[in-house]
């Protein structure tokens, strides 16, 4: 049996990397940021923990964050992952493209749903609290074709 790969999945930091977040990501093999980074230094700080792939969101319109890709297709531990900030901007048919996981953000609402053998994951927002939505992130556990999500919610 192959080793399980742990991937920290965050989104919508909006320039705020909460002090609770880096310790929660310690030990992950990879970090994905699904856009609305808000401050490129957040990605530099995350890269001290594990390799990072980040895309831009709708607030990343100027400065270094604007240079991030709008989407990305990556492979981690043999699992194909497609990243897009807003699921409404999904421009591929994941199951036809062989994508196992689609990661998005934007709504600030944590959600995980499996459809047509594709896991759609939104970790929620780990940045400033919006409305009454939880402050959350996810740990994605990948092992072969198995993908399991563990949500982490902060009290603050």
C-alpha atoms as a PDB file:
ATOM      1  CA  UNK A   1       0.000   0.000   0.000  1.00  0.00           C
ATOM      2  CA  UNK A   2       1.332   3.444  -0.887  1.00  0.00           C
ATOM      3  CA  UNK A   3       1.913   6.222   1.601  1.00  0.00           C
ATOM      4  CA  UNK A   4      -0.891   8.714   2.277  1.00  0.00           C
ATOM      5  CA  UNK A   5       0.014  12.219   1.153  1.00  0.00           C
ATOM      6  CA  UNK A   6      -1.318  15.044   3.325  1.00  0.00           C
ATOM      7  CA  UNK A   7      -2.184  18.297   1.525  1.00  0.00           C
ATOM      8  CA  UNK A   8      -3.115  21.489   3.363  1.00  0.00           C
ATOM      9  CA  UNK A   9      -5.830  23.300   1.421  1.00  0.00           C
ATOM     10  CA  UNK A  10      -6.593  26.942   2.182  1.00  0.00           C
ATOM     11  CA  UNK A  11      -8.304  29.824   0.432  1.00  0.00           C
ATOM     12  CA  UNK A  12      -9.377  33.412   0.819  1.00  0.00           C
ATOM     13  CA  UNK A  13      -6.681  34.646   3.199  1.00  0.00           C
ATOM     14  CA  UNK A  14      -7.324  38.207   1.935  1.00  0.00           C
ATOM     15  CA  UNK A  15      -3.921  39.326   3.231  1.00  0.00           C
ATOM     16  CA  UNK A  16      -4.288  37.667   6.661  1.00  0.00           C
ATOM     17  CA  UNK A  17      -2.289  34.597   7.635  1.00  0.00           C
ATOM     18  CA  UNK A  18      -3.687  33.843  11.068  1.00  0.00           C
ATOM     19  CA  UNK A  19      -1.030  32.739  13.586  1.00  0.00           C
ATOM     20  CA  UNK A  20      -2.956  29.500  14.209  1.00  0.00           C
ATOM     21  CA  UNK A  21      -2.593  28.379  10.585  1.00  0.00           C
ATOM     22  CA  UNK A  22       1.135  27.532  10.200  1.00  0.00           C
ATOM     23  CA  UNK A  23       1.110  25.105  13.158  1.00  0.00           C
ATOM     24  CA  UNK A  24      -1.974  23.411  11.680  1.00  0.00           C
ATOM     25  CA  UNK A  25      -0.087  22.910   8.424  1.00  0.00           C
ATOM     26  CA  UNK A  26       3.072  21.506  10.021  1.00  0.00           C
ATOM     27  CA  UNK A  27       3.751  18.037   8.659  1.00  0.00           C
ATOM     28  CA  UNK A  28       1.749  18.367   5.430  1.00  0.00           C
ATOM     29  CA  UNK A  29       3.509  17.312   2.246  1.00  0.00           C
ATOM     30  CA  UNK A  30       2.061  20.114   0.120  1.00  0.00           C
ATOM     31  CA  UNK A  31      -0.041  23.273   0.446  1.00  0.00           C
ATOM     32  CA  UNK A  32      -2.666  24.511  -2.005  1.00  0.00           C
ATOM     33  CA  UNK A  33      -4.011  28.072  -1.859  1.00  0.00           C
ATOM     34  CA  UNK A  34      -7.204  28.486  -3.894  1.00  0.00           C
ATOM     35  CA  UNK A  35      -6.974  32.238  -4.432  1.00  0.00           C
ATOM     36  CA  UNK A  36      -7.706  35.610  -2.878  1.00  0.00           C
ATOM     37  CA  UNK A  37      -4.231  35.521  -1.383  1.00  0.00           C
ATOM     38  CA  UNK A  38      -4.100  39.290  -0.856  1.00  0.00           C
ATOM     39  CA  UNK A  39      -0.397  39.433   0.106  1.00  0.00           C
ATOM     40  CA  UNK A  40       2.383  37.504  -1.662  1.00  0.00           C
ATOM     41  CA  UNK A  41       4.278  37.246   1.643  1.00  0.00           C
ATOM     42  CA  UNK A  42       1.646  34.735   2.796  1.00  0.00           C
ATOM     43  CA  UNK A  43       2.853  32.349   0.095  1.00  0.00           C
ATOM     44  CA  UNK A  44       6.489  32.908   1.104  1.00  0.00           C
ATOM     45  CA  UNK A  45       5.640  32.066   4.721  1.00  0.00           C
ATOM     46  CA  UNK A  46       3.684  28.964   3.689  1.00  0.00           C
ATOM     47  CA  UNK A  47       6.608  27.810   1.520  1.00  0.00           C
ATOM     48  CA  UNK A  48       8.690  27.535   4.696  1.00  0.00           C
ATOM     49  CA  UNK A  49       6.323  24.720   5.747  1.00  0.00           C
ATOM     50  CA  UNK A  50       5.870  22.785   2.477  1.00  0.00           C
ATOM     51  CA  UNK A  51       5.843  23.321  -1.303  1.00  0.00           C
ATOM     52  CA  UNK A  52       2.985  25.655  -2.307  1.00  0.00           C
ATOM     53  CA  UNK A  53       0.814  25.957  -5.391  1.00  0.00           C
ATOM     54  CA  UNK A  54      -1.416  29.027  -5.450  1.00  0.00           C
ATOM     55  CA  UNK A  55      -3.795  30.589  -7.924  1.00  0.00           C
ATOM     56  CA  UNK A  56      -5.157  34.108  -8.026  1.00  0.00           C
ATOM     57  CA  UNK A  57      -8.626  35.069  -6.938  1.00  0.00           C
ATOM     58  CA  UNK A  58     -10.823  38.049  -7.684  1.00  0.00           C
ATOM     59  CA  UNK A  59      -9.047  40.273  -5.110  1.00  0.00           C
ATOM     60  CA  UNK A  60      -5.593  39.470  -6.515  1.00  0.00           C
ATOM     61  CA  UNK A  61      -5.759  42.196  -9.157  1.00  0.00           C
ATOM     62  CA  UNK A  62      -2.514  44.077  -8.545  1.00  0.00           C
ATOM     63  CA  UNK A  63       1.025  43.466  -7.402  1.00  0.00           C
ATOM     64  CA  UNK A  64       2.715  40.058  -7.360  1.00  0.00           C
ATOM     65  CA  UNK A  65      -0.512  38.152  -6.622  1.00  0.00           C
ATOM     66  CA  UNK A  66      -1.943  39.338  -9.955  1.00  0.00           C
ATOM     67  CA  UNK A  67       0.798  37.323 -11.692  1.00  0.00           C
ATOM     68  CA  UNK A  68      -0.506  34.056 -10.251  1.00  0.00           C
ATOM     69  CA  UNK A  69      -2.322  31.752 -12.675  1.00  0.00           C
ATOM     70  CA  UNK A  70      -6.122  31.836 -12.728  1.00  0.00           C
ATOM     71  CA  UNK A  71      -6.198  28.019 -12.771  1.00  0.00           C
ATOM     72  CA  UNK A  72      -3.705  25.218 -12.329  1.00  0.00           C
ATOM     73  CA  UNK A  73      -3.617  21.504 -12.987  1.00  0.00           C
ATOM     74  CA  UNK A  74      -1.167  19.663 -10.754  1.00  0.00           C
ATOM     75  CA  UNK A  75      -0.413  16.120  -9.727  1.00  0.00           C
ATOM     76  CA  UNK A  76       0.320  15.250  -6.119  1.00  0.00           C
ATOM     77  CA  UNK A  77       1.064  11.676  -5.107  1.00  0.00           C
ATOM     78  CA  UNK A  78      -0.342  10.395  -8.401  1.00  0.00           C
ATOM     79  CA  UNK A  79      -3.615  12.317  -7.936  1.00  0.00           C
ATOM     80  CA  UNK A  80      -4.642  14.919 -10.518  1.00  0.00           C
ATOM     81  CA  UNK A  81      -5.930  18.153  -8.926  1.00  0.00           C
ATOM     82  CA  UNK A  82      -7.457  21.124 -10.757  1.00  0.00           C
ATOM     83  CA  UNK A  83      -7.540  24.503  -8.999  1.00  0.00           C
ATOM     84  CA  UNK A  84      -9.938  27.350  -9.818  1.00  0.00           C
ATOM     85  CA  UNK A  85     -10.926  30.178  -7.472  1.00  0.00           C
ATOM     86  CA  UNK A  86     -14.650  30.234  -8.274  1.00  0.00           C
ATOM     87  CA  UNK A  87     -16.277  26.941  -9.190  1.00  0.00           C
ATOM     88  CA  UNK A  88     -18.466  28.966 -11.581  1.00  0.00           C
ATOM     89  CA  UNK A  89     -15.320  29.572 -13.659  1.00  0.00           C
ATOM     90  CA  UNK A  90     -14.590  25.847 -14.059  1.00  0.00           C
ATOM     91  CA  UNK A  91     -13.517  25.587 -17.698  1.00  0.00           C
ATOM     92  CA  UNK A  92     -12.938  21.846 -18.011  1.00  0.00           C
ATOM     93  CA  UNK A  93     -14.984  18.696 -17.590  1.00  0.00           C
ATOM     94  CA  UNK A  94     -12.974  17.162 -14.718  1.00  0.00           C
ATOM     95  CA  UNK A  95     -14.053  13.548 -15.199  1.00  0.00           C
ATOM     96  CA  UNK A  96     -13.185  13.700 -18.927  1.00  0.00           C
ATOM     97  CA  UNK A  97      -9.788  15.256 -18.132  1.00  0.00           C
ATOM     98  CA  UNK A  98      -8.914  12.558 -15.594  1.00  0.00           C
ATOM     99  CA  UNK A  99      -9.051  15.010 -12.683  1.00  0.00           C
ATOM    100  CA  UNK A 100      -9.740  13.369  -9.322  1.00  0.00           C
ATOM    101  CA  UNK A 101     -10.052  16.551  -7.173  1.00  0.00           C
ATOM    102  CA  UNK A 102     -11.268  20.067  -7.993  1.00  0.00           C
ATOM    103  CA  UNK A 103     -10.214  22.677  -5.435  1.00  0.00           C
ATOM    104  CA  UNK A 104     -11.983  26.037  -5.332  1.00  0.00           C
ATOM    105  CA  UNK A 105     -12.594  28.884  -2.907  1.00  0.00           C
ATOM    106  CA  UNK A 106     -14.444  32.197  -3.262  1.00  0.00           C
ATOM    107  CA  UNK A 107     -17.665  31.384  -1.385  1.00  0.00           C
ATOM    108  CA  UNK A 108     -15.978  31.206   2.058  1.00  0.00           C
ATOM    109  CA  UNK A 109     -18.196  28.149   2.729  1.00  0.00           C
ATOM    110  CA  UNK A 110     -16.438  24.852   3.428  1.00  0.00           C
ATOM    111  CA  UNK A 111     -17.820  22.027   1.315  1.00  0.00           C
ATOM    112  CA  UNK A 112     -16.820  18.643  -0.053  1.00  0.00           C
ATOM    113  CA  UNK A 113     -18.933  16.730  -2.525  1.00  0.00           C
ATOM    114  CA  UNK A 114     -18.173  13.735  -4.723  1.00  0.00           C
ATOM    115  CA  UNK A 115     -19.784  13.715  -8.185  1.00  0.00           C
ATOM    116  CA  UNK A 116     -18.898  11.416 -11.089  1.00  0.00           C
ATOM    117  CA  UNK A 117     -15.788  10.163  -9.224  1.00  0.00           C
ATOM    118  CA  UNK A 118     -14.538  13.746  -8.791  1.00  0.00           C
ATOM    119  CA  UNK A 119     -14.151  15.296  -5.354  1.00  0.00           C
ATOM    120  CA  UNK A 120     -15.123  18.989  -5.328  1.00  0.00           C
ATOM    121  CA  UNK A 121     -13.437  20.656  -2.352  1.00  0.00           C
ATOM    122  CA  UNK A 122     -13.847  24.177  -1.030  1.00  0.00           C
ATOM    123  CA  UNK A 123     -11.853  24.604   2.204  1.00  0.00           C
ATOM    124  CA  UNK A 124     -13.765  27.747   3.168  1.00  0.00           C
ATOM    125  CA  UNK A 125     -11.943  30.916   4.181  1.00  0.00           C
ATOM    126  CA  UNK A 126      -9.026  30.975   6.599  1.00  0.00           C
ATOM    127  CA  UNK A 127      -8.689  34.779   6.399  1.00  0.00           C
ATOM    128  CA  UNK A 128     -10.897  37.489   7.923  1.00  0.00           C
ATOM    129  CA  UNK A 129     -14.280  36.217   9.083  1.00  0.00           C
ATOM    130  CA  UNK A 130     -17.114  37.000   6.685  1.00  0.00           C
ATOM    131  CA  UNK A 131     -20.664  37.200   7.952  1.00  0.00           C
ATOM    132  CA  UNK A 132     -21.373  34.187  10.189  1.00  0.00           C
ATOM    133  CA  UNK A 133     -19.370  31.739   8.096  1.00  0.00           C
ATOM    134  CA  UNK A 134     -16.770  29.586   9.851  1.00  0.00           C
ATOM    135  CA  UNK A 135     -13.058  30.310   9.556  1.00  0.00           C
ATOM    136  CA  UNK A 136     -11.848  27.040   8.056  1.00  0.00           C
ATOM    137  CA  UNK A 137      -9.315  25.107   6.026  1.00  0.00           C
ATOM    138  CA  UNK A 138      -8.961  21.480   4.986  1.00  0.00           C
ATOM    139  CA  UNK A 139      -6.445  18.682   5.054  1.00  0.00           C
ATOM    140  CA  UNK A 140      -6.749  16.476   1.985  1.00  0.00           C
ATOM    141  CA  UNK A 141      -5.533  12.902   2.501  1.00  0.00           C
ATOM    142  CA  UNK A 142      -4.526  11.268  -0.790  1.00  0.00           C
ATOM    143  CA  UNK A 143      -3.675   7.597  -1.194  1.00  0.00           C
ATOM    144  CA  UNK A 144      -3.840   6.220  -4.718  1.00  0.00           C
ATOM    145  CA  UNK A 145      -7.303   7.051  -6.004  1.00  0.00           C
ATOM    146  CA  UNK A 146      -8.654   7.535  -2.474  1.00  0.00           C
ATOM    147  CA  UNK A 147      -9.213  11.166  -1.458  1.00  0.00           C
ATOM    148  CA  UNK A 148     -10.468  11.988   2.033  1.00  0.00           C
ATOM    149  CA  UNK A 149     -11.137  15.466   3.443  1.00  0.00           C
ATOM    150  CA  UNK A 150     -10.685  16.610   7.026  1.00  0.00           C
ATOM    151  CA  UNK A 151     -11.987  20.109   7.759  1.00  0.00           C
ATOM    152  CA  UNK A 152     -10.332  22.245  10.426  1.00  0.00           C
ATOM    153  CA  UNK A 153     -12.370  25.113  11.888  1.00  0.00           C
ATOM    154  CA  UNK A 154     -10.879  27.906  13.996  1.00  0.00           C
ATOM    155  CA  UNK A 155     -12.762  29.459  16.889  1.00  0.00           C
ATOM    156  CA  UNK A 156     -11.511  33.009  16.215  1.00  0.00           C
END
